[in-house]
Each structure stands twice: as C-alpha cells, then as structure tokens.
Amino acid sequence: MKEVVIIDGVRSPIGKFGGGLSQVRPDDLLADVLKALMERTGVDAALLDDVYAGCGNQAGEDNRNVARMSTLLAGFPADIPGVTVNRNCASALEAVNQGAKAIIADEGEIFIGSGVETMSRAPWSMPKPDRVPTFKPPKMWDTTVGWRFNNPRMDDLYPIISLGETAENIADEMQITREDQDAFAVESHTRAINAINEGRFKGEIVAIQVPQRKGDPVIVDTDEHPRYTRENGHCHLATSVEDMAALQPSFRKGGTVTAGNSSGINDGAAALLIMEADKAKEMGLKPMVRWCGSATAGVDPGVMGYGPVPATEKLLARLDLRIADI
C-alpha cells in the first residue's frame, strides 16, 4: 500500500468573532494560506493533483466551492482542481483524509488538505416563499452556528437542540462538573498564551494583511481568541477560574456550559501539503509526520460532541495501536 506523509502545514491566526479577520472573505483567507504553503515548501503548485478544503458553513462568501475559488485566488494554474467537503466540525480533517485516501488509491501523489471558516461573516439566510404572493412573514436564520432550514420530521426522530445543549447532555452523562469545565478552559487559555509568548506558533502562522479604506493594511499575525491583555509585546492571561465561575449558563437554566468554557466563535484557515512518501523522497522533502489511517463514527445527535471517542477507538483497533503509541 502507498505510504502517505505530511510535508508541512501553515495556518492563519485564529481571529475572534468580529476581530481582526472579520473583514476578510473566506475565499481570500484560504487563498493566502494556500499560497504561503506552496511558497514555504518550494513545491510548484502546477504539480498538485487536487486541493481539498473543509468548510462547515458554505452559506455565503464561501461561494459554493471555496476550495476551487481559493486556488484561483491564490494564483494556482487554472487546471488545478479544488473540491470542498463538509463534515461539520471535522471538515478540514475530512479534507486531509480525502487527500490521503486519494494517494492510497493511486489517484495522485501531491494534494493539499485544508480548511476555512469565517464565522464573523456568516450571513443571514431565509427561504423563498412556497407561493407568490404570500402573506406569511419570512423566517430568517443566522448561519454562524447551529441548525438552519431544519426538517420538521427531524424533531420527531431527534430533538433539534443547540450545540451547547448537546454539551450539557455530555456533561450530565459523563458527570463533568462546572468546576472541571472552568478549570479546563482556564488551563487551555493559559497554555495558548504561554505558547504565544514563547513564539511556538510563529513557524506555522501566516500573517494576514487586511486592507483598510485608508492607509496601510492592518497585519494580523497573532491568535486573538485566548483571553489576554498585551503589554510591551507580552501577553498576560485575562481570565481566571473565579472569572469563569461568575458567568451564567448560556444554554440551560442551572446548566454548566457558559460562554467562558465553550468553544469559541472564530475565523481562520489552515492547510497541509500531503504527499506519497516516495515522491517526497524523490523531491528531497522531509516529512513532518506519517498519515496512518482515519475513521469516523456516528453518535446520537443529542451528544454529538462525543463522536471523536468511538471514531478514535475504531481507528486504534484497526491499526492495532493504543493511545500511548501516538
């Protein structure tokens, strides 16, 4: 079987909702990252067999096929294709896996697996009326996150609840306390800020130039989502367990999931160069890691965030590995 390796990867900074990247279209954001990846690796974009991009929204400026749009905007040759895949939260992971599987299937040797979301720019969306003229007021959805245009039949099968409510269900089922969630969140912010201060992300981040109506572009080169203040070029943690504890539950009365211990609403893009191992050796490229396999698993939608657990268990069993081996 063909061996798959990942040569290198780059990403944009992760922008906070309404932050420094909120004025950048998703196709432009991914284009900047794709272009930087090829420049950094020194691989001619004309050698690419395909570009896979994961995108969970695809409701607006993603323009139906953000992978294809971004390859063109990046200046890649017009004969380099691009395809967008959607597995919601795991869309970019799926893009990487699709590229790896294409290599194993001997459909090519050089691929990009990437992803982009600009949640700040997710549009409002409303359906066309069933008939014209209509006297019914239009219903509108905010496509930033969660359900939209949901099928009424689905509510008879599974409750149509928010992502935050599914997290509440997992917390109940796994007996994860509010205190544990808050402590985990603060530790996550702390680690991210320490990594920023130590320059650990500089090698992977592509600085994004954000054009302004007047004056020079604004350069965004640092992750914005961790809660920090900046002083003399140094980031300082701007939250604590006590701050987290003071927040009200966001999704359920008496619940444990808050705006502080939830995943963020962010903007960003990332890309990996995926190659067949012998081709990489032939081109004198040193891989970062080896791709060994992938697996997916479905769970009850009411606990959708638990999906990576059975997927990981399935993959480890298939490869005869343990977590300690990774």
C-alpha atoms as a PDB file:
ATOM      1  CA  MET A   1       0.000   0.000   0.000  1.00  0.00           C
ATOM      2  CA  LYS A   2       1.149   3.532  -0.738  1.00  0.00           C
ATOM      3  CA  GLU A   3       2.608   5.409   2.242  1.00  0.00           C
ATOM      4  CA  VAL A   4       1.222   8.891   2.940  1.00  0.00           C
ATOM      5  CA  VAL A   5       3.229  11.670   4.587  1.00  0.00           C
ATOM      6  CA  ILE A   6       2.530  15.271   5.547  1.00  0.00           C
ATOM      7  CA  ILE A   7       5.318  17.570   4.428  1.00  0.00           C
ATOM      8  CA  ASP A   8       4.392  20.848   6.096  1.00  0.00           C
ATOM      9  CA  GLY A   9       1.497  22.957   7.285  1.00  0.00           C
ATOM     10  CA  VAL A  10       0.615  26.593   7.749  1.00  0.00           C
ATOM     11  CA  ARG A  11      -2.349  28.480   9.134  1.00  0.00           C
ATOM     12  CA  SER A  12      -3.717  31.940   9.609  1.00  0.00           C
ATOM     13  CA  PRO A  13      -4.004  33.388  13.085  1.00  0.00           C
ATOM     14  CA  ILE A  14      -7.286  32.422  14.740  1.00  0.00           C
ATOM     15  CA  GLY A  15      -9.378  35.577  14.802  1.00  0.00           C
ATOM     16  CA  LYS A  16     -12.016  36.238  17.411  1.00  0.00           C
ATOM     17  CA  PHE A  17     -15.621  36.909  16.430  1.00  0.00           C
ATOM     18  CA  GLY A  18     -15.757  40.417  14.980  1.00  0.00           C
ATOM     19  CA  GLY A  19     -11.981  40.698  15.351  1.00  0.00           C
ATOM     20  CA  GLY A  20      -9.041  41.374  13.087  1.00  0.00           C
ATOM     21  CA  LEU A  21     -10.015  38.860  10.400  1.00  0.00           C
ATOM     22  CA  SER A  22     -13.708  39.699  10.332  1.00  0.00           C
ATOM     23  CA  GLN A  23     -13.288  41.852   7.215  1.00  0.00           C
ATOM     24  CA  VAL A  24     -11.575  39.067   5.243  1.00  0.00           C
ATOM     25  CA  ARG A  25     -13.654  36.856   2.954  1.00  0.00           C
ATOM     26  CA  PRO A  26     -13.217  33.093   3.470  1.00  0.00           C
ATOM     27  CA  ASP A  27     -12.007  32.526  -0.089  1.00  0.00           C
ATOM     28  CA  ASP A  28      -9.381  35.250   0.324  1.00  0.00           C
ATOM     29  CA  LEU A  29      -8.326  33.916   3.725  1.00  0.00           C
ATOM     30  CA  LEU A  30      -7.809  30.387   2.453  1.00  0.00           C
ATOM     31  CA  ALA A  31      -6.096  31.684  -0.690  1.00  0.00           C
ATOM     32  CA  ASP A  32      -3.465  33.459   1.413  1.00  0.00           C
ATOM     33  CA  VAL A  33      -2.782  30.254   3.331  1.00  0.00           C
ATOM     34  CA  LEU A  34      -2.627  28.056   0.218  1.00  0.00           C
ATOM     35  CA  LYS A  35      -0.207  30.432  -1.475  1.00  0.00           C
ATOM     36  CA  ALA A  36       2.002  30.586   1.620  1.00  0.00           C
ATOM     37  CA  LEU A  37       2.083  26.788   1.904  1.00  0.00           C
ATOM     38  CA  MET A  38       3.412  26.327  -1.617  1.00  0.00           C
ATOM     39  CA  GLU A  39       5.931  29.152  -1.259  1.00  0.00           C
ATOM     40  CA  ARG A  40       7.190  27.723   2.018  1.00  0.00           C
ATOM     41  CA  THR A  41       7.620  24.170   0.746  1.00  0.00           C
ATOM     42  CA  GLY A  42       9.032  25.234  -2.608  1.00  0.00           C
ATOM     43  CA  VAL A  43       6.690  22.863  -4.428  1.00  0.00           C
ATOM     44  CA  ASP A  44       5.306  24.134  -7.728  1.00  0.00           C
ATOM     45  CA  ALA A  45       1.518  24.454  -7.466  1.00  0.00           C
ATOM     46  CA  ALA A  46       1.308  23.082 -11.008  1.00  0.00           C
ATOM     47  CA  LEU A  47       2.251  19.660  -9.588  1.00  0.00           C
ATOM     48  CA  LEU A  48      -0.831  19.439  -7.381  1.00  0.00           C
ATOM     49  CA  ASP A  49      -3.312  16.697  -8.207  1.00  0.00           C
ATOM     50  CA  ASP A  50      -6.172  18.265  -6.242  1.00  0.00           C
ATOM     51  CA  VAL A  51      -6.929  20.692  -3.430  1.00  0.00           C
ATOM     52  CA  TYR A  52      -9.367  19.587  -0.746  1.00  0.00           C
ATOM     53  CA  ALA A  53     -10.870  22.178   1.598  1.00  0.00           C
ATOM     54  CA  GLY A  54     -13.184  21.603   4.524  1.00  0.00           C
ATOM     55  CA  CYS A  55     -15.860  24.185   5.275  1.00  0.00           C
ATOM     56  CA  GLY A  56     -18.801  23.676   7.596  1.00  0.00           C
ATOM     57  CA  ASN A  57     -20.805  26.757   6.658  1.00  0.00           C
ATOM     58  CA  GLN A  58     -20.877  27.287   2.878  1.00  0.00           C
ATOM     59  CA  ALA A  59     -23.780  29.700   3.174  1.00  0.00           C
ATOM     60  CA  GLY A  60     -22.324  32.897   1.753  1.00  0.00           C
ATOM     61  CA  GLU A  61     -18.966  34.149   0.504  1.00  0.00           C
ATOM     62  CA  ASP A  62     -17.671  30.577   0.509  1.00  0.00           C
ATOM     63  CA  ASN A  63     -19.250  30.780  -2.961  1.00  0.00           C
ATOM     64  CA  ARG A  64     -20.418  27.150  -3.306  1.00  0.00           C
ATOM     65  CA  ASN A  65     -16.915  25.688  -3.704  1.00  0.00           C
ATOM     66  CA  VAL A  66     -14.444  27.638  -1.607  1.00  0.00           C
ATOM     67  CA  ALA A  67     -11.620  25.210  -2.452  1.00  0.00           C
ATOM     68  CA  ARG A  68     -11.808  25.992  -6.153  1.00  0.00           C
ATOM     69  CA  MET A  69     -12.296  29.723  -5.625  1.00  0.00           C
ATOM     70  CA  SER A  70      -9.302  29.890  -3.298  1.00  0.00           C
ATOM     71  CA  THR A  71      -6.962  28.017  -5.650  1.00  0.00           C
ATOM     72  CA  LEU A  72      -7.760  30.543  -8.370  1.00  0.00           C
ATOM     73  CA  LEU A  73      -7.354  33.494  -5.987  1.00  0.00           C
ATOM     74  CA  ALA A  74      -4.027  32.046  -4.811  1.00  0.00           C
ATOM     75  CA  GLY A  75      -2.768  32.214  -8.392  1.00  0.00           C
ATOM     76  CA  PHE A  76      -2.592  28.459  -8.926  1.00  0.00           C
ATOM     77  CA  PRO A  77      -2.865  27.310 -12.561  1.00  0.00           C
ATOM     78  CA  ALA A  78      -6.457  27.081 -13.761  1.00  0.00           C
ATOM     79  CA  ASP A  79      -6.121  23.345 -14.403  1.00  0.00           C
ATOM     80  CA  ILE A  80      -5.552  22.625 -10.688  1.00  0.00           C
ATOM     81  CA  PRO A  81      -8.940  21.491  -9.333  1.00  0.00           C
ATOM     82  CA  GLY A  82     -10.437  22.079  -5.914  1.00  0.00           C
ATOM     83  CA  VAL A  83     -13.266  20.406  -4.011  1.00  0.00           C
ATOM     84  CA  THR A  84     -14.980  21.430  -0.783  1.00  0.00           C
ATOM     85  CA  VAL A  85     -16.033  18.816   1.772  1.00  0.00           C
ATOM     86  CA  ASN A  86     -18.289  19.160   4.791  1.00  0.00           C
ATOM     87  CA  ARG A  87     -18.258  17.060   7.942  1.00  0.00           C
ATOM     88  CA  ASN A  88     -19.215  19.991  10.158  1.00  0.00           C
ATOM     89  CA  CYS A  89     -16.602  20.369  12.934  1.00  0.00           C
ATOM     90  CA  ALA A  90     -14.308  17.800  11.280  1.00  0.00           C
ATOM     91  CA  SER A  91     -14.469  19.238   7.756  1.00  0.00           C
ATOM     92  CA  ALA A  92     -10.769  20.089   7.460  1.00  0.00           C
ATOM     93  CA  LEU A  93      -9.831  16.722   8.963  1.00  0.00           C
ATOM     94  CA  GLU A  94     -12.011  15.118   6.298  1.00  0.00           C
ATOM     95  CA  ALA A  95     -10.191  17.146   3.634  1.00  0.00           C
ATOM     96  CA  VAL A  96      -6.846  15.777   4.821  1.00  0.00           C
ATOM     97  CA  ASN A  97      -8.210  12.235   4.907  1.00  0.00           C
ATOM     98  CA  GLN A  98      -9.616  12.567   1.387  1.00  0.00           C
ATOM     99  CA  GLY A  99      -6.207  13.595   0.097  1.00  0.00           C
ATOM    100  CA  ALA A 100      -4.521  10.701   1.876  1.00  0.00           C
ATOM    101  CA  LYS A 101      -7.048   8.193   0.548  1.00  0.00           C
ATOM    102  CA  ALA A 102      -6.553   9.506  -2.986  1.00  0.00           C
ATOM    103  CA  ILE A 103      -2.838   8.758  -2.667  1.00  0.00           C
ATOM    104  CA  ILE A 104      -3.541   5.248  -1.379  1.00  0.00           C
ATOM    105  CA  ALA A 105      -5.929   4.715  -4.300  1.00  0.00           C
ATOM    106  CA  ASP A 106      -3.105   5.787  -6.656  1.00  0.00           C
ATOM    107  CA  GLU A 107      -5.100   8.757  -7.942  1.00  0.00           C
ATOM    108  CA  GLY A 108      -2.222  11.173  -7.459  1.00  0.00           C
ATOM    109  CA  GLU A 109       0.904  11.961  -5.469  1.00  0.00           C
ATOM    110  CA  ILE A 110       0.569  15.548  -4.239  1.00  0.00           C
ATOM    111  CA  PHE A 111      -2.504  17.029  -2.571  1.00  0.00           C
ATOM    112  CA  ILE A 112      -3.493  19.818  -0.215  1.00  0.00           C
ATOM    113  CA  GLY A 113      -5.806  19.168   2.713  1.00  0.00           C
ATOM    114  CA  SER A 114      -7.133  22.412   4.132  1.00  0.00           C
ATOM    115  CA  GLY A 115      -9.995  24.180   5.843  1.00  0.00           C
ATOM    116  CA  VAL A 116     -11.516  27.610   6.364  1.00  0.00           C
ATOM    117  CA  GLU A 117     -14.288  29.201   8.397  1.00  0.00           C
ATOM    118  CA  THR A 118     -15.110  32.872   8.830  1.00  0.00           C
ATOM    119  CA  MET A 119     -17.890  32.774  11.378  1.00  0.00           C
ATOM    120  CA  SER A 120     -17.850  36.557  11.687  1.00  0.00           C
ATOM    121  CA  ARG A 121     -19.032  36.813   8.079  1.00  0.00           C
ATOM    122  CA  ALA A 122     -21.611  34.020   8.161  1.00  0.00           C
ATOM    123  CA  PRO A 123     -24.691  35.539   6.501  1.00  0.00           C
ATOM    124  CA  TRP A 124     -28.309  35.718   7.466  1.00  0.00           C
ATOM    125  CA  SER A 125     -30.358  33.358   5.333  1.00  0.00           C
ATOM    126  CA  MET A 126     -34.058  32.994   4.595  1.00  0.00           C
ATOM    127  CA  PRO A 127     -36.052  30.671   2.324  1.00  0.00           C
ATOM    128  CA  LYS A 128     -38.096  31.632  -0.676  1.00  0.00           C
ATOM    129  CA  PRO A 129     -41.877  31.562  -0.078  1.00  0.00           C
ATOM    130  CA  ASP A 130     -43.732  28.419  -1.128  1.00  0.00           C
ATOM    131  CA  ARG A 131     -46.009  30.554  -3.259  1.00  0.00           C
ATOM    132  CA  VAL A 132     -46.163  34.133  -4.518  1.00  0.00           C
ATOM    133  CA  PRO A 133     -47.805  36.312  -3.404  1.00  0.00           C
ATOM    134  CA  THR A 134     -47.531  35.270   0.232  1.00  0.00           C
ATOM    135  CA  PHE A 135     -48.853  36.801   3.416  1.00  0.00           C
ATOM    136  CA  LYS A 136     -46.506  34.869   5.694  1.00  0.00           C
ATOM    137  CA  PRO A 137     -43.620  36.873   7.153  1.00  0.00           C
ATOM    138  CA  PRO A 138     -40.218  35.452   6.195  1.00  0.00           C
ATOM    139  CA  LYS A 139     -38.232  33.431   8.716  1.00  0.00           C
ATOM    140  CA  MET A 140     -34.540  34.160   8.912  1.00  0.00           C
ATOM    141  CA  TRP A 141     -31.620  32.121  10.252  1.00  0.00           C
ATOM    142  CA  ASP A 142     -28.242  33.294  11.481  1.00  0.00           C
ATOM    143  CA  THR A 143     -25.873  30.831   9.804  1.00  0.00           C
ATOM    144  CA  THR A 144     -22.984  31.452  12.217  1.00  0.00           C
ATOM    145  CA  VAL A 145     -23.562  28.196  14.068  1.00  0.00           C
ATOM    146  CA  GLY A 146     -26.193  25.526  14.591  1.00  0.00           C
ATOM    147  CA  TRP A 147     -29.324  24.385  12.775  1.00  0.00           C
ATOM    148  CA  ARG A 148     -30.919  26.155   9.821  1.00  0.00           C
ATOM    149  CA  PHE A 149     -33.751  25.185   7.489  1.00  0.00           C
ATOM    150  CA  ASN A 150     -34.300  22.189   9.750  1.00  0.00           C
ATOM    151  CA  ASN A 151     -36.642  19.458   8.546  1.00  0.00           C
ATOM    152  CA  PRO A 152     -39.759  19.248  10.770  1.00  0.00           C
ATOM    153  CA  ARG A 153     -39.586  15.452  10.524  1.00  0.00           C
ATOM    154  CA  MET A 154     -36.229  15.511  12.288  1.00  0.00           C
ATOM    155  CA  ASP A 155     -37.793  16.745  15.506  1.00  0.00           C
ATOM    156  CA  ASP A 156     -39.851  13.553  15.609  1.00  0.00           C
ATOM    157  CA  LEU A 157     -36.665  11.491  15.383  1.00  0.00           C
ATOM    158  CA  TYR A 158     -34.165  13.509  17.407  1.00  0.00           C
ATOM    159  CA  PRO A 159     -34.637  16.723  19.396  1.00  0.00           C
ATOM    160  CA  ILE A 160     -33.469  19.778  17.478  1.00  0.00           C
ATOM    161  CA  ILE A 161     -31.270  21.306  20.157  1.00  0.00           C
ATOM    162  CA  SER A 162     -28.307  23.671  20.108  1.00  0.00           C
ATOM    163  CA  LEU A 163     -24.674  22.612  20.214  1.00  0.00           C
ATOM    164  CA  GLY A 164     -24.448  23.987  23.730  1.00  0.00           C
ATOM    165  CA  GLU A 165     -27.305  21.786  24.842  1.00  0.00           C
ATOM    166  CA  THR A 166     -25.542  18.722  23.454  1.00  0.00           C
ATOM    167  CA  ALA A 167     -22.542  19.710  25.576  1.00  0.00           C
ATOM    168  CA  GLU A 168     -24.852  19.911  28.591  1.00  0.00           C
ATOM    169  CA  ASN A 169     -26.051  16.392  27.813  1.00  0.00           C
ATOM    170  CA  ILE A 170     -22.496  15.078  27.701  1.00  0.00           C
ATOM    171  CA  ALA A 171     -21.644  16.846  30.957  1.00  0.00           C
ATOM    172  CA  ASP A 172     -24.647  15.180  32.591  1.00  0.00           C
ATOM    173  CA  GLU A 173     -23.913  11.753  31.142  1.00  0.00           C
ATOM    174  CA  MET A 174     -20.189  11.844  31.939  1.00  0.00           C
ATOM    175  CA  GLN A 175     -20.649  13.668  35.260  1.00  0.00           C
ATOM    176  CA  ILE A 176     -18.340  16.510  34.248  1.00  0.00           C
ATOM    177  CA  THR A 177     -18.757  19.301  36.770  1.00  0.00           C
ATOM    178  CA  ARG A 178     -18.889  23.029  36.131  1.00  0.00           C
ATOM    179  CA  GLU A 179     -15.694  23.390  38.158  1.00  0.00           C
ATOM    180  CA  ASP A 180     -13.866  20.870  35.977  1.00  0.00           C
ATOM    181  CA  GLN A 181     -15.030  22.611  32.807  1.00  0.00           C
ATOM    182  CA  ASP A 182     -13.972  26.036  34.065  1.00  0.00           C
ATOM    183  CA  ALA A 183     -10.566  24.769  35.202  1.00  0.00           C
ATOM    184  CA  PHE A 184     -10.000  23.049  31.848  1.00  0.00           C
ATOM    185  CA  ALA A 185     -10.914  26.257  29.993  1.00  0.00           C
ATOM    186  CA  VAL A 186      -8.540  28.405  32.048  1.00  0.00           C
ATOM    187  CA  GLU A 187      -5.753  25.874  31.533  1.00  0.00           C
ATOM    188  CA  SER A 188      -6.399  25.970  27.784  1.00  0.00           C
ATOM    189  CA  HIS A 189      -6.156  29.774  27.713  1.00  0.00           C
ATOM    190  CA  THR A 190      -3.010  29.633  29.851  1.00  0.00           C
ATOM    191  CA  ARG A 191      -1.277  27.146  27.574  1.00  0.00           C
ATOM    192  CA  ALA A 192      -2.202  29.108  24.456  1.00  0.00           C
ATOM    193  CA  ILE A 193      -0.906  32.373  25.905  1.00  0.00           C
ATOM    194  CA  ASN A 194       2.320  30.732  27.083  1.00  0.00           C
ATOM    195  CA  ALA A 195       2.815  29.320  23.588  1.00  0.00           C
ATOM    196  CA  ILE A 196       2.254  32.766  22.055  1.00  0.00           C
ATOM    197  CA  ASN A 197       4.782  34.361  24.406  1.00  0.00           C
ATOM    198  CA  GLU A 198       7.325  31.615  23.702  1.00  0.00           C
ATOM    199  CA  GLY A 199       6.903  32.037  19.945  1.00  0.00           C
ATOM    200  CA  ARG A 200       5.798  28.435  19.464  1.00  0.00           C
ATOM    201  CA  PHE A 201       3.215  29.353  16.825  1.00  0.00           C
ATOM    202  CA  LYS A 202       5.362  31.703  14.749  1.00  0.00           C
ATOM    203  CA  GLY A 203       6.619  28.937  12.498  1.00  0.00           C
ATOM    204  CA  GLU A 204       3.128  27.913  11.428  1.00  0.00           C
ATOM    205  CA  ILE A 205       1.238  31.217  11.266  1.00  0.00           C
ATOM    206  CA  VAL A 206       0.858  33.171   8.038  1.00  0.00           C
ATOM    207  CA  ALA A 207       0.451  36.892   8.701  1.00  0.00           C
ATOM    208  CA  ILE A 208      -2.736  38.148   7.050  1.00  0.00           C
ATOM    209  CA  GLN A 209      -2.872  41.631   5.528  1.00  0.00           C
ATOM    210  CA  VAL A 210      -6.292  43.199   6.000  1.00  0.00           C
ATOM    211  CA  PRO A 211      -6.850  46.090   3.554  1.00  0.00           C
ATOM    212  CA  GLN A 212      -8.191  49.331   5.004  1.00  0.00           C
ATOM    213  CA  ARG A 213     -10.242  52.051   3.349  1.00  0.00           C
ATOM    214  CA  LYS A 214      -7.489  54.499   4.167  1.00  0.00           C
ATOM    215  CA  GLY A 215      -3.868  53.892   4.977  1.00  0.00           C
ATOM    216  CA  ASP A 216      -1.752  50.778   5.059  1.00  0.00           C
ATOM    217  CA  PRO A 217      -3.183  47.295   5.578  1.00  0.00           C
ATOM    218  CA  VAL A 218      -3.510  46.022   9.135  1.00  0.00           C
ATOM    219  CA  ILE A 219      -1.327  42.975   9.791  1.00  0.00           C
ATOM    220  CA  VAL A 220      -2.917  40.183  11.843  1.00  0.00           C
ATOM    221  CA  ASP A 221      -0.225  37.731  12.953  1.00  0.00           C
ATOM    222  CA  THR A 222      -1.280  36.535  16.427  1.00  0.00           C
ATOM    223  CA  ASP A 223      -4.145  34.384  17.665  1.00  0.00           C
ATOM    224  CA  GLU A 224      -6.878  36.597  19.098  1.00  0.00           C
ATOM    225  CA  HIS A 225      -9.166  34.157  20.854  1.00  0.00           C
ATOM    226  CA  PRO A 226      -7.243  33.417  24.078  1.00  0.00           C
ATOM    227  CA  ARG A 227      -8.278  35.901  26.752  1.00  0.00           C
ATOM    228  CA  TYR A 228      -5.257  38.120  27.231  1.00  0.00           C
ATOM    229  CA  THR A 229      -4.086  41.678  27.542  1.00  0.00           C
ATOM    230  CA  ARG A 230      -0.935  42.828  25.806  1.00  0.00           C
ATOM    231  CA  GLU A 231       1.756  44.943  27.425  1.00  0.00           C
ATOM    232  CA  ASN A 232       5.204  45.667  25.985  1.00  0.00           C
ATOM    233  CA  GLY A 233       4.777  42.890  23.446  1.00  0.00           C
ATOM    234  CA  HIS A 234       3.918  40.320  26.114  1.00  0.00           C
ATOM    235  CA  CYS A 235       0.536  38.637  26.568  1.00  0.00           C
ATOM    236  CA  HIS A 236      -0.954  38.302  30.042  1.00  0.00           C
ATOM    237  CA  LEU A 237      -3.791  35.957  30.983  1.00  0.00           C
ATOM    238  CA  ALA A 238      -7.003  37.976  31.359  1.00  0.00           C
ATOM    239  CA  THR A 239      -9.265  35.369  32.910  1.00  0.00           C
ATOM    240  CA  SER A 240      -9.313  33.085  35.931  1.00  0.00           C
ATOM    241  CA  VAL A 241     -11.286  30.270  37.493  1.00  0.00           C
ATOM    242  CA  GLU A 242     -13.051  32.926  39.577  1.00  0.00           C
ATOM    243  CA  ASP A 243     -13.994  34.882  36.453  1.00  0.00           C
ATOM    244  CA  MET A 244     -15.292  31.714  34.825  1.00  0.00           C
ATOM    245  CA  ALA A 245     -17.341  30.823  37.880  1.00  0.00           C
ATOM    246  CA  ALA A 246     -19.121  34.196  37.748  1.00  0.00           C
ATOM    247  CA  LEU A 247     -20.550  33.549  34.261  1.00  0.00           C
ATOM    248  CA  GLN A 248     -24.146  32.453  33.846  1.00  0.00           C
ATOM    249  CA  PRO A 249     -25.015  29.241  31.960  1.00  0.00           C
ATOM    250  CA  SER A 250     -25.623  30.012  28.292  1.00  0.00           C
ATOM    251  CA  PHE A 251     -27.845  27.170  27.158  1.00  0.00           C
ATOM    252  CA  ARG A 252     -29.779  25.667  30.054  1.00  0.00           C
ATOM    253  CA  LYS A 253     -31.107  27.023  33.319  1.00  0.00           C
ATOM    254  CA  GLY A 254     -28.979  25.560  36.059  1.00  0.00           C
ATOM    255  CA  GLY A 255     -26.565  24.217  33.449  1.00  0.00           C
ATOM    256  CA  THR A 256     -22.786  24.129  33.432  1.00  0.00           C
ATOM    257  CA  VAL A 257     -21.848  25.287  29.920  1.00  0.00           C
ATOM    258  CA  THR A 258     -21.053  29.005  29.645  1.00  0.00           C
ATOM    259  CA  ALA A 259     -19.582  31.464  27.177  1.00  0.00           C
ATOM    260  CA  GLY A 260     -16.293  31.038  29.036  1.00  0.00           C
ATOM    261  CA  ASN A 261     -15.888  27.274  28.950  1.00  0.00           C
ATOM    262  CA  SER A 262     -17.400  26.722  25.489  1.00  0.00           C
ATOM    263  CA  SER A 263     -15.592  26.544  22.168  1.00  0.00           C
ATOM    264  CA  GLY A 264     -15.133  29.949  20.570  1.00  0.00           C
ATOM    265  CA  ILE A 265     -16.721  31.550  17.528  1.00  0.00           C
ATOM    266  CA  ASN A 266     -13.728  32.240  15.340  1.00  0.00           C
ATOM    267  CA  ASP A 267     -12.250  32.973  11.923  1.00  0.00           C
ATOM    268  CA  GLY A 268      -9.297  31.112  10.416  1.00  0.00           C
ATOM    269  CA  ALA A 269      -7.790  28.879   7.747  1.00  0.00           C
ATOM    270  CA  ALA A 270      -5.150  26.140   7.632  1.00  0.00           C
ATOM    271  CA  ALA A 271      -3.544  23.888   5.025  1.00  0.00           C
ATOM    272  CA  LEU A 272      -1.305  20.799   4.887  1.00  0.00           C
ATOM    273  CA  LEU A 273       0.769  19.506   1.981  1.00  0.00           C
ATOM    274  CA  ILE A 274       0.148  15.755   1.654  1.00  0.00           C
ATOM    275  CA  MET A 275       2.390  13.552  -0.481  1.00  0.00           C
ATOM    276  CA  GLU A 276       3.150   9.977  -1.399  1.00  0.00           C
ATOM    277  CA  ALA A 277       6.286   9.067   0.577  1.00  0.00           C
ATOM    278  CA  ASP A 278       8.449   8.002  -2.374  1.00  0.00           C
ATOM    279  CA  LYS A 279       7.518  11.181  -4.247  1.00  0.00           C
ATOM    280  CA  ALA A 280       8.546  13.286  -1.257  1.00  0.00           C
ATOM    281  CA  LYS A 281      11.882  11.464  -1.097  1.00  0.00           C
ATOM    282  CA  GLU A 282      12.392  11.942  -4.829  1.00  0.00           C
ATOM    283  CA  MET A 283      11.836  15.704  -4.410  1.00  0.00           C
ATOM    284  CA  GLY A 284      14.152  15.909  -1.400  1.00  0.00           C
ATOM    285  CA  LEU A 285      11.365  16.869   1.009  1.00  0.00           C
ATOM    286  CA  LYS A 286      11.490  15.787   4.655  1.00  0.00           C
ATOM    287  CA  PRO A 287       8.083  14.807   6.071  1.00  0.00           C
ATOM    288  CA  MET A 288       6.801  16.111   9.379  1.00  0.00           C
ATOM    289  CA  VAL A 289       4.614  13.093  10.131  1.00  0.00           C
ATOM    290  CA  ARG A 290       3.208   9.935   8.574  1.00  0.00           C
ATOM    291  CA  TRP A 291      -0.532   9.531   7.964  1.00  0.00           C
ATOM    292  CA  CYS A 292      -1.534   6.064   9.164  1.00  0.00           C
ATOM    293  CA  GLY A 293      -5.299   5.985   8.778  1.00  0.00           C
ATOM    294  CA  SER A 294      -8.648   7.531   9.591  1.00  0.00           C
ATOM    295  CA  ALA A 295     -12.018   6.500  10.968  1.00  0.00           C
ATOM    296  CA  THR A 296     -15.417   8.055  11.511  1.00  0.00           C
ATOM    297  CA  ALA A 297     -18.301   7.179  13.805  1.00  0.00           C
ATOM    298  CA  GLY A 298     -21.832   8.409  14.303  1.00  0.00           C
ATOM    299  CA  VAL A 299     -23.457   9.008  17.684  1.00  0.00           C
ATOM    300  CA  ASP A 300     -26.855  10.176  18.863  1.00  0.00           C
ATOM    301  CA  PRO A 301     -27.208  13.838  17.765  1.00  0.00           C
ATOM    302  CA  GLY A 302     -28.080  14.726  21.350  1.00  0.00           C
ATOM    303  CA  VAL A 303     -24.454  14.029  22.338  1.00  0.00           C
ATOM    304  CA  MET A 304     -22.825  14.900  19.022  1.00  0.00           C
ATOM    305  CA  GLY A 305     -19.582  16.131  20.614  1.00  0.00           C
ATOM    306  CA  TYR A 306     -18.804  12.597  21.774  1.00  0.00           C
ATOM    307  CA  GLY A 307     -18.247  11.393  18.202  1.00  0.00           C
ATOM    308  CA  PRO A 308     -14.416  11.549  18.227  1.00  0.00           C
ATOM    309  CA  VAL A 309     -14.290   8.963  21.029  1.00  0.00           C
ATOM    310  CA  PRO A 310     -15.761   5.969  19.145  1.00  0.00           C
ATOM    311  CA  ALA A 311     -14.011   7.147  15.959  1.00  0.00           C
ATOM    312  CA  THR A 312     -10.646   7.084  17.745  1.00  0.00           C
ATOM    313  CA  GLU A 313     -11.402   3.706  19.307  1.00  0.00           C
ATOM    314  CA  LYS A 314     -12.316   2.316  15.883  1.00  0.00           C
ATOM    315  CA  LEU A 315      -9.097   3.578  14.300  1.00  0.00           C
ATOM    316  CA  LEU A 316      -6.849   2.334  17.111  1.00  0.00           C
ATOM    317  CA  ALA A 317      -8.424  -1.114  16.900  1.00  0.00           C
ATOM    318  CA  ARG A 318      -7.983  -1.181  13.124  1.00  0.00           C
ATOM    319  CA  LEU A 319      -4.301  -0.244  13.393  1.00  0.00           C
ATOM    320  CA  ASP A 320      -3.668  -2.380  16.499  1.00  0.00           C
ATOM    321  CA  LEU A 321      -2.466   0.682  18.406  1.00  0.00           C
ATOM    322  CA  ARG A 322      -3.081   2.260  21.781  1.00  0.00           C
ATOM    323  CA  ILE A 323      -3.317   5.925  22.772  1.00  0.00           C
ATOM    324  CA  ALA A 324       0.146   5.577  24.333  1.00  0.00           C
ATOM    325  CA  ASP A 325       1.561   4.712  20.892  1.00  0.00           C
ATOM    326  CA  ILE A 326       0.547   8.051  19.390  1.00  0.00           C
END
